[in-house]
């Protein structure tokens, strides 16, 4: 399913996106700010990952801005019984600071609550990633807690902040 507003487009990830995805994953700033993979990643490994994307509990989108791919948005751990899912977003450095992340997360929220009829969305952020924390808080996500020493990066452990947004809280936002 394609999601879009007047500035961004979320579409299926295609093999042609492998180079940009590899650049994103191999960006030390991105790798340092998020968790979930080890880098560096080769182009062939990235193409293999794209070929095996089918997964009932995860939806992955290529983010397009001004007709070029600038990142990836992921809805993971989709649990239809409990009506929950986790969200995350990764942008190329050149795409940051332009309001793209806010637009993308708003599209994901709308899709999750209106199309999937989920009740609760979560996001997990490394504590030191102030930009990401600001994004989720601006969009109405509340801090549920701190997962202490959850991530090991660059020779030390880091806390993760757990956020959530309930469907009824979202509609109170008047978005």
Protein backbone atom coordinates (compact mmCIF):
# COMPACT_ATOMS: atom_id res chain seq x y z
CA UNK A 1 0.00 0.00 0.00
CA UNK A 2 1.29 3.44 -0.94
CA UNK A 3 0.99 6.23 1.64
CA UNK A 4 1.48 9.86 0.69
CA UNK A 5 0.82 13.48 1.45
CA UNK A 6 1.65 16.55 -0.63
CA UNK A 7 5.42 16.26 0.08
CA UNK A 8 6.35 12.63 0.82
CA UNK A 9 5.55 9.24 -0.63
CA UNK A 10 5.91 5.91 1.16
CA UNK A 11 6.16 2.96 -1.23
CA UNK A 12 7.37 -0.62 -1.32
CA UNK A 13 11.12 -1.11 -1.18
CA UNK A 14 12.51 -2.32 -4.51
CA UNK A 15 15.82 -3.86 -5.59
CA UNK A 16 16.78 -0.53 -7.18
CA UNK A 17 16.79 0.97 -3.66
CA UNK A 18 19.65 -1.28 -2.51
CA UNK A 19 22.43 1.29 -3.00
CA UNK A 20 20.62 4.04 -1.09
CA UNK A 21 19.66 1.61 1.70
CA UNK A 22 23.26 0.45 1.91
CA UNK A 23 24.44 4.08 2.12
CA UNK A 24 21.91 4.73 4.89
CA UNK A 25 22.87 1.65 6.89
CA UNK A 26 26.60 2.28 6.44
CA UNK A 27 26.33 5.91 7.61
CA UNK A 28 28.16 5.95 10.98
CA UNK A 29 25.85 8.71 12.29
CA UNK A 30 22.75 6.62 11.56
CA UNK A 31 24.31 3.43 12.92
CA UNK A 32 25.34 5.24 16.08
CA UNK A 33 21.86 6.72 16.64
CA UNK A 34 19.77 3.58 16.13
CA UNK A 35 19.89 -0.11 16.86
CA UNK A 36 18.92 -3.27 15.05
CA UNK A 37 21.80 -4.02 12.72
CA UNK A 38 25.54 -4.25 12.51
CA UNK A 39 27.34 -2.38 9.82
CA UNK A 40 28.98 -2.23 7.31
CA UNK A 41 26.59 -3.95 4.91
CA UNK A 42 27.53 -4.92 1.35
CA UNK A 43 25.43 -4.20 -1.73
CA UNK A 44 24.86 -7.93 -2.32
CA UNK A 45 23.72 -8.40 1.29
CA UNK A 46 21.35 -5.46 0.91
CA UNK A 47 19.86 -6.93 -2.28
CA UNK A 48 19.38 -10.28 -0.52
CA UNK A 49 17.61 -8.49 2.36
CA UNK A 50 15.27 -6.74 -0.10
CA UNK A 51 14.45 -10.05 -1.82
CA UNK A 52 13.36 -11.53 1.52
CA UNK A 53 11.19 -8.68 2.82
CA UNK A 54 7.90 -10.58 3.02
CA UNK A 55 6.91 -10.80 6.67
CA UNK A 56 3.40 -10.68 8.10
CA UNK A 57 4.46 -8.79 11.22
CA UNK A 58 6.54 -6.08 9.50
CA UNK A 59 5.81 -3.47 6.83
CA UNK A 60 8.75 -1.58 5.31
CA UNK A 61 8.50 1.54 3.17
CA UNK A 62 10.94 3.48 1.03
CA UNK A 63 10.57 7.19 1.81
CA UNK A 64 10.54 9.45 -1.24
CA UNK A 65 10.92 13.22 -1.08
CA UNK A 66 11.13 15.32 -4.23
CA UNK A 67 11.00 12.09 -6.28
CA UNK A 68 14.08 10.50 -4.72
CA UNK A 69 14.47 7.92 -2.00
CA UNK A 70 15.72 9.51 1.23
CA UNK A 71 15.11 6.87 3.88
CA UNK A 72 13.15 3.95 5.21
CA UNK A 73 10.10 3.71 7.49
CA UNK A 74 9.23 0.50 9.30
CA UNK A 75 6.16 -0.76 11.14
CA UNK A 76 7.29 -3.89 12.99
CA UNK A 77 6.04 -6.36 15.59
CA UNK A 78 2.51 -5.94 14.25
CA UNK A 79 0.29 -7.85 16.67
CA UNK A 80 -3.30 -7.95 15.43
CA UNK A 81 -4.56 -9.79 18.52
CA UNK A 82 -3.37 -7.07 20.89
CA UNK A 83 -3.60 -4.38 18.17
CA UNK A 84 -0.09 -3.04 18.70
CA UNK A 85 2.95 -2.28 16.55
CA UNK A 86 6.35 -0.62 16.78
CA UNK A 87 7.51 2.14 14.42
CA UNK A 88 10.87 3.53 13.37
CA UNK A 89 12.31 5.73 10.66
CA UNK A 90 15.78 6.31 9.24
CA UNK A 91 16.69 9.24 6.96
CA UNK A 92 19.75 10.11 4.92
CA UNK A 93 21.66 13.04 6.39
CA UNK A 94 20.67 15.23 3.42
CA UNK A 95 16.97 14.70 4.25
CA UNK A 96 17.10 15.63 7.93
CA UNK A 97 15.79 18.94 9.25
CA UNK A 98 13.20 19.37 6.49
CA UNK A 99 10.10 18.11 8.31
CA UNK A 100 10.16 14.81 6.41
CA UNK A 101 10.25 12.63 9.53
CA UNK A 102 7.19 14.38 10.98
CA UNK A 103 5.25 13.87 7.75
CA UNK A 104 6.29 10.21 7.50
CA UNK A 105 5.38 9.36 11.08
CA UNK A 106 2.02 11.11 10.69
CA UNK A 107 1.31 8.95 7.62
CA UNK A 108 2.32 5.81 9.53
CA UNK A 109 0.15 6.77 12.51
CA UNK A 110 -2.85 7.39 10.29
CA UNK A 111 -2.33 4.07 8.47
CA UNK A 112 -1.91 2.10 11.70
CA UNK A 113 -4.92 3.57 13.47
CA UNK A 114 -7.31 3.94 10.54
CA UNK A 115 -6.42 1.06 8.21
CA UNK A 116 -4.98 -1.55 10.57
CA UNK A 117 -7.26 -0.49 13.46
CA UNK A 118 -4.42 -0.75 15.95
CA UNK A 119 -4.83 0.49 19.51
CA UNK A 120 -1.25 1.25 20.57
CA UNK A 121 1.91 2.26 18.71
CA UNK A 122 5.37 2.15 20.23
CA UNK A 123 8.78 3.60 19.40
CA UNK A 124 12.11 2.84 21.05
CA UNK A 125 14.90 5.41 20.95
CA UNK A 126 18.47 5.36 22.21
CA UNK A 127 18.45 7.86 25.06
CA UNK A 128 21.17 10.09 23.60
CA UNK A 129 19.28 10.50 20.27
CA UNK A 130 17.67 13.83 21.17
CA UNK A 131 16.39 14.53 17.66
CA UNK A 132 14.42 11.30 17.52
CA UNK A 133 13.11 11.74 21.05
CA UNK A 134 11.91 15.24 20.15
CA UNK A 135 10.12 13.87 17.06
CA UNK A 136 8.13 11.21 18.94
CA UNK A 137 7.26 13.59 21.78
CA UNK A 138 6.14 16.31 19.32
CA UNK A 139 3.78 13.79 17.72
CA UNK A 140 2.13 12.95 21.04
CA UNK A 141 4.02 9.82 22.06
CA UNK A 142 4.43 9.54 25.82
CA UNK A 143 7.47 8.11 27.56
CA UNK A 144 6.62 4.75 29.10
CA UNK A 145 9.98 4.13 30.68
CA UNK A 146 13.69 3.63 30.38
CA UNK A 147 15.13 0.29 29.31
CA UNK A 148 18.43 0.43 31.14
CA UNK A 149 21.63 -0.62 29.35
CA UNK A 150 19.56 -2.18 26.56
CA UNK A 151 21.94 -1.48 23.67
CA UNK A 152 25.68 -2.10 23.40
CA UNK A 153 27.43 0.29 21.00
CA UNK A 154 30.93 1.65 20.69
CA UNK A 155 32.20 -0.25 23.69
CA UNK A 156 29.50 0.72 26.18
CA UNK A 157 25.87 0.16 27.10
CA UNK A 158 23.14 2.71 26.41
CA UNK A 159 19.64 3.22 27.74
CA UNK A 160 16.62 3.06 25.44
CA UNK A 161 13.56 5.26 25.95
CA UNK A 162 10.26 3.45 25.32
CA UNK A 163 7.44 5.60 23.91
CA UNK A 164 3.81 4.83 23.09
CA UNK A 165 0.76 6.49 21.57
CA UNK A 166 -2.79 5.22 22.06
CA UNK A 167 -5.43 5.61 19.38
CA UNK A 168 -7.68 7.80 21.54
CA UNK A 169 -4.74 10.08 22.41
CA UNK A 170 -4.05 10.49 18.73
CA UNK A 171 -7.57 11.65 17.95
CA UNK A 172 -7.35 14.17 20.79
CA UNK A 173 -4.46 15.79 18.84
CA UNK A 174 -6.82 17.02 16.10
CA UNK A 175 -4.43 16.03 13.34
